[in-house]
Amino acid sequence: MPGNPDLTLIPDEAEVWLALKSDVTDIAAMIPESPTEDLAELGWEHSGLVDDAKGIPITPSIEVKPYDAFGRPRFRVKLKKGTLVTGFTALERNPVTNKIVLPGSTPKRVGIPKDVQIYVLYRFVDEDRATVWVQLTPAPAELTGTSGIVDGEKWWAEIKVHHTTTAEGDVFEIVDASTDDVVKTFTIPVSVTAYTATVDGVTTTSITAKTKAALQAALRALSTVAALPEPGVTVEGPDGGPLVATFTGPVTTVSATGTGGTVGVA
């Protein structure tokens, strides 16, 4: 079955970043604007190496309740009490993992398993494309197993995060390359015979065809658009418009000037 390779995610690596609930004042302020932003500057702490063979398992579950009625089996089925658990296996015993793996009353002490509430951020990288998942509410981190101290063996600790949800039922916010996309709609009246478009102070040559191909080609020729991540801009819409331009990065001002009428940009 044919597919779109640009939409297929095959991670080459994954990172796990943590923040204790007690250290977070406003999680919204810790959500990066792009997947490549410096996460340490936002207050996240890197857990260190994780087991790439185990990856980051994502385990959904839900209670299935069948009902029988009037001699008919499974007359009705209801799904309720859904849960979501993610996890990772840490391969480093460092100041960050020590906060969730048998933490003691001080950093130099080891304690028993306890309710440790955290926020977690997962960053996946597929070639040069990164995606970030940011947990929106605090959740308990359960230590389900550890290697202990074995001569000649690498230490590991398996962690499960039992996620809670927002009032809307959400767990994560996704930050990817489309997060800072800017979408502009060009409305071109019938009376317009030609028009130009300006992006951050740089103007296209005159565009006489009211097609998505013509507008896209003119915009991609601009230096301000060429500087954005590829392809810079994609234009969709019927001949005659409205034409919708999606810029693959932040642009500040987009405008248009028409001959024979006013071209709207919103």
Protein backbone atom coordinates (compact mmCIF):
# COMPACT_ATOMS: atom_id res chain seq x y z
CA MET A 1 0.00 0.00 0.00
CA PRO A 2 1.52 3.36 -0.99
CA GLY A 3 2.18 5.86 1.77
CA ASN A 4 3.79 9.18 2.45
CA PRO A 5 7.38 8.67 3.72
CA ASP A 6 7.39 12.20 5.14
CA LEU A 7 4.65 11.14 7.55
CA THR A 8 6.25 7.86 8.61
CA LEU A 9 8.04 8.08 11.94
CA ILE A 10 10.96 5.66 12.44
CA PRO A 11 12.86 7.08 15.40
CA ASP A 12 16.65 6.86 15.37
CA GLU A 13 16.94 7.94 18.99
CA ALA A 14 14.87 9.10 21.93
CA GLU A 15 15.55 11.31 24.91
CA VAL A 16 13.78 11.45 28.26
CA TRP A 17 13.63 14.70 30.22
CA LEU A 18 12.12 15.02 33.69
CA ALA A 19 10.86 17.60 36.17
CA LEU A 20 9.60 16.94 39.67
CA LYS A 21 6.09 18.22 40.34
CA SER A 22 7.45 20.26 43.23
CA ASP A 23 9.82 22.10 40.88
CA VAL A 24 7.14 23.10 38.34
CA THR A 25 5.15 26.31 38.78
CA ASP A 26 3.55 26.45 35.31
CA ILE A 27 4.01 23.58 32.87
CA ALA A 28 2.86 25.79 29.99
CA ALA A 29 6.02 27.86 30.43
CA MET A 30 8.11 24.70 30.01
CA ILE A 31 6.61 23.68 26.65
CA PRO A 32 9.20 24.42 23.94
CA GLU A 33 8.23 26.46 20.91
CA SER A 34 10.17 24.09 18.65
CA PRO A 35 11.39 20.49 19.08
CA THR A 36 15.03 21.57 18.89
CA GLU A 37 14.85 24.20 21.61
CA ASP A 38 17.26 24.01 24.56
CA LEU A 39 15.19 22.04 27.09
CA ALA A 40 17.57 22.64 30.01
CA GLU A 41 16.95 26.37 29.72
CA LEU A 42 13.22 25.68 30.13
CA GLY A 43 13.82 23.82 33.38
CA TRP A 44 13.90 20.20 32.17
CA GLU A 45 16.54 17.75 33.39
CA HIS A 46 17.98 15.06 31.10
CA SER A 47 17.68 11.53 32.48
CA GLY A 48 20.79 10.43 30.61
CA LEU A 49 21.14 7.26 28.55
CA VAL A 50 18.04 5.12 28.07
CA ASP A 51 17.77 1.58 26.73
CA ASP A 52 17.21 2.02 22.99
CA ALA A 53 16.27 -1.64 22.56
CA LYS A 54 13.29 -1.23 24.90
CA GLY A 55 12.50 2.26 23.64
CA ILE A 56 9.61 4.16 25.19
CA PRO A 57 6.66 1.77 25.49
CA ILE A 58 3.21 3.34 25.33
CA THR A 59 0.57 1.14 26.94
CA PRO A 60 -3.12 2.14 26.69
CA SER A 61 -5.82 0.17 28.48
CA ILE A 62 -9.54 0.49 29.06
CA GLU A 63 -12.21 -1.43 30.92
CA VAL A 64 -14.56 -3.27 28.56
CA LYS A 65 -18.00 -3.94 30.03
CA PRO A 66 -20.38 -6.13 27.98
CA TYR A 67 -24.09 -6.28 28.81
CA ASP A 68 -26.51 -9.12 28.02
CA ALA A 69 -30.21 -8.42 27.56
CA PHE A 70 -33.34 -10.25 26.40
CA GLY A 71 -31.39 -13.40 25.63
CA ARG A 72 -28.99 -11.58 23.36
CA PRO A 73 -25.33 -11.86 24.41
CA ARG A 74 -23.28 -8.69 24.23
CA PHE A 75 -26.35 -6.57 23.63
CA ARG A 76 -24.29 -3.52 24.51
CA VAL A 77 -20.61 -2.84 25.21
CA LYS A 78 -19.30 0.15 27.11
CA LEU A 79 -15.71 1.29 27.39
CA LYS A 80 -14.71 3.23 30.50
CA LYS A 81 -11.88 3.93 32.90
CA GLY A 82 -9.23 4.35 30.22
CA THR A 83 -5.62 4.62 31.35
CA LEU A 84 -2.32 5.38 29.68
CA VAL A 85 1.11 4.29 30.88
CA THR A 86 4.43 5.15 29.25
CA GLY A 87 7.89 4.27 30.40
CA PHE A 88 11.60 4.05 29.85
CA THR A 89 14.62 2.17 31.14
CA ALA A 90 17.30 4.47 32.51
CA LEU A 91 20.90 3.32 32.07
CA GLU A 92 22.55 6.02 34.17
CA ARG A 93 22.53 6.53 37.89
CA ASN A 94 22.90 10.28 38.06
CA PRO A 95 21.45 13.21 40.05
CA VAL A 96 18.33 13.19 37.84
CA THR A 97 17.51 9.48 38.02
CA ASN A 98 18.32 9.48 41.74
CA LYS A 99 15.28 11.72 42.22
CA ILE A 100 12.91 8.99 41.01
CA VAL A 101 14.79 5.73 41.68
CA LEU A 102 14.46 4.95 45.42
CA PRO A 103 14.97 8.59 46.45
CA GLY A 104 16.00 9.21 50.03
CA SER A 105 15.54 12.19 52.31
CA THR A 106 18.72 13.73 50.85
CA PRO A 107 20.55 13.21 47.55
CA LYS A 108 23.11 11.04 49.37
CA ARG A 109 20.51 8.59 50.72
CA VAL A 110 18.54 5.69 49.24
CA GLY A 111 14.92 5.20 50.24
CA ILE A 112 12.11 2.74 49.69
CA PRO A 113 9.64 2.97 46.76
CA LYS A 114 7.31 5.92 47.22
CA ASP A 115 4.89 8.17 45.36
CA VAL A 116 7.13 10.41 43.25
CA GLN A 117 5.13 12.81 41.08
CA ILE A 118 6.84 14.00 37.90
CA TYR A 119 6.37 15.63 34.54
CA VAL A 120 8.07 13.86 31.64
CA LEU A 121 9.09 15.08 28.19
CA TYR A 122 9.94 12.64 25.40
CA ARG A 123 11.93 13.81 22.38
CA PHE A 124 12.10 11.48 19.36
CA VAL A 125 14.49 12.07 16.46
CA ASP A 126 13.96 10.59 12.99
CA GLU A 127 16.94 11.59 10.81
CA ASP A 128 16.77 15.42 10.96
CA ARG A 129 13.14 15.55 12.12
CA ALA A 130 12.43 15.88 15.84
CA THR A 131 9.16 15.53 17.72
CA VAL A 132 8.51 16.36 21.36
CA TRP A 133 5.75 15.05 23.65
CA VAL A 134 5.21 17.14 26.78
CA GLN A 135 3.18 15.74 29.67
CA LEU A 136 0.51 18.26 30.72
CA THR A 137 -0.28 17.07 34.26
CA PRO A 138 1.89 15.50 36.97
CA ALA A 139 1.85 11.73 37.34
CA PRO A 140 3.43 9.11 39.60
CA ALA A 141 6.63 7.45 38.42
CA GLU A 142 6.72 3.78 39.42
CA LEU A 143 10.01 1.92 39.72
CA THR A 144 9.11 -1.57 38.43
CA GLY A 145 12.57 -3.10 38.43
CA THR A 146 16.28 -2.45 38.75
CA SER A 147 19.41 -4.43 37.98
CA GLY A 148 20.82 -3.93 41.43
CA ILE A 149 24.59 -3.99 41.72
CA VAL A 150 26.05 -6.72 39.50
CA ASP A 151 29.77 -7.08 38.88
CA GLY A 152 30.63 -6.15 35.31
CA GLU A 153 27.03 -5.32 34.33
CA LYS A 154 25.51 -1.97 33.45
CA TRP A 155 23.06 -0.57 35.97
CA TRP A 156 19.47 -0.07 34.81
CA ALA A 157 16.16 1.01 36.29
CA GLU A 158 12.77 0.49 34.63
CA ILE A 159 10.29 3.31 35.15
CA LYS A 160 6.56 3.43 34.40
CA VAL A 161 4.68 6.74 34.32
CA HIS A 162 0.98 6.39 35.18
CA HIS A 163 -0.46 9.37 33.38
CA THR A 164 -3.22 11.64 34.59
CA THR A 165 -5.21 13.93 32.30
CA THR A 166 -6.31 17.52 31.91
CA ALA A 167 -9.98 18.45 32.26
CA GLU A 168 -10.27 17.84 28.50
CA GLY A 169 -8.86 14.32 28.84
CA ASP A 170 -5.48 15.14 27.30
CA VAL A 171 -2.12 13.73 28.41
CA PHE A 172 0.54 15.18 26.09
CA GLU A 173 1.08 18.22 23.91
CA ILE A 174 2.99 17.55 20.69
CA VAL A 175 5.65 19.94 19.46
CA ASP A 176 7.01 19.23 15.99
CA ALA A 177 8.22 20.99 12.88
CA SER A 178 4.71 22.23 12.14
CA THR A 179 4.32 23.93 15.52
CA ASP A 180 5.61 27.29 14.28
CA ASP A 181 3.95 27.09 10.84
CA VAL A 182 2.15 30.24 9.72
CA VAL A 183 -0.97 29.94 7.55
CA LYS A 184 -2.18 32.83 5.39
CA THR A 185 -5.23 32.91 3.08
CA PHE A 186 -5.08 35.01 -0.11
CA THR A 187 -8.47 36.20 -1.36
CA ILE A 188 -8.25 37.41 -4.98
CA PRO A 189 -11.25 39.26 -6.49
CA VAL A 190 -12.29 38.55 -10.07
CA SER A 191 -11.34 42.12 -11.04
CA VAL A 192 -7.67 41.61 -10.15
CA THR A 193 -5.48 41.15 -13.25
CA ALA A 194 -2.15 40.80 -11.46
CA TYR A 195 -0.77 40.98 -7.94
CA THR A 196 2.38 40.76 -5.86
CA ALA A 197 2.94 39.25 -2.41
CA THR A 198 5.35 40.54 0.24
CA VAL A 199 6.83 38.40 3.01
CA ASP A 200 8.81 40.17 5.72
CA GLY A 201 9.70 43.07 3.44
CA VAL A 202 10.62 41.11 0.29
CA THR A 203 8.20 41.29 -2.67
CA THR A 204 7.52 38.76 -5.44
CA THR A 205 7.51 39.49 -9.12
CA SER A 206 4.07 40.15 -10.63
CA ILE A 207 1.76 37.13 -10.50
CA THR A 208 -0.84 36.98 -13.26
CA ALA A 209 -2.26 33.48 -12.82
CA LYS A 210 -4.63 32.99 -9.88
CA THR A 211 -3.46 29.44 -9.23
CA LYS A 212 -1.79 27.73 -6.29
CA ALA A 213 1.19 26.78 -8.49
CA ALA A 214 1.81 30.39 -9.53
CA LEU A 215 1.62 31.78 -6.00
CA GLN A 216 3.73 28.96 -4.57
CA ALA A 217 6.49 29.41 -7.15
CA ALA A 218 6.59 33.16 -6.59
CA LEU A 219 6.73 32.83 -2.80
CA ARG A 220 9.43 30.15 -2.84
CA ALA A 221 11.63 32.46 -4.93
CA LEU A 222 11.74 34.98 -2.05
CA SER A 223 14.85 35.00 0.14
CA THR A 224 12.73 35.30 3.29
CA VAL A 225 10.85 32.12 2.37
CA ALA A 226 13.93 30.23 1.15
CA ALA A 227 15.46 30.78 4.60
CA LEU A 228 12.66 28.73 6.22
CA PRO A 229 12.86 24.93 6.64
CA GLU A 230 12.12 23.15 3.35
CA PRO A 231 9.98 23.52 1.37
CA GLY A 232 9.48 27.06 2.74
CA VAL A 233 5.84 27.34 1.77
CA THR A 234 3.07 25.16 0.34
CA VAL A 235 0.01 26.63 -1.34
CA GLU A 236 -3.35 24.90 -1.73
CA GLY A 237 -6.69 26.00 -3.13
CA PRO A 238 -8.75 26.16 -6.32
CA ASP A 239 -7.97 28.28 -9.35
CA GLY A 240 -9.20 31.78 -8.66
CA GLY A 241 -8.75 31.30 -4.91
CA PRO A 242 -8.96 31.55 -2.04
CA LEU A 243 -5.39 30.26 -1.92
CA VAL A 244 -4.01 29.05 1.42
CA ALA A 245 -0.26 29.40 1.94
CA THR A 246 1.37 27.44 4.78
CA PHE A 247 4.83 28.76 5.66
CA THR A 248 7.11 26.17 7.30
CA GLY A 249 8.37 28.55 9.95
CA PRO A 250 7.72 31.89 11.61
CA VAL A 251 7.12 34.82 9.30
CA THR A 252 6.11 38.19 10.71
CA THR A 253 4.24 40.07 8.00
CA VAL A 254 2.56 38.82 4.82
CA SER A 255 0.70 41.20 2.53
CA ALA A 256 -0.38 41.55 -1.11
CA THR A 257 -1.02 44.35 -3.60
CA GLY A 258 -3.37 43.87 -6.54
CA THR A 259 -3.90 45.56 -9.91
CA GLY A 260 -7.60 46.12 -10.54
CA GLY A 261 -8.66 45.32 -6.98
CA THR A 262 -7.56 44.58 -3.43
CA VAL A 263 -6.06 41.21 -2.59
CA GLY A 264 -6.87 40.22 0.98
CA VAL A 265 -4.40 38.33 3.20
CA ALA A 266 -5.60 36.97 6.52
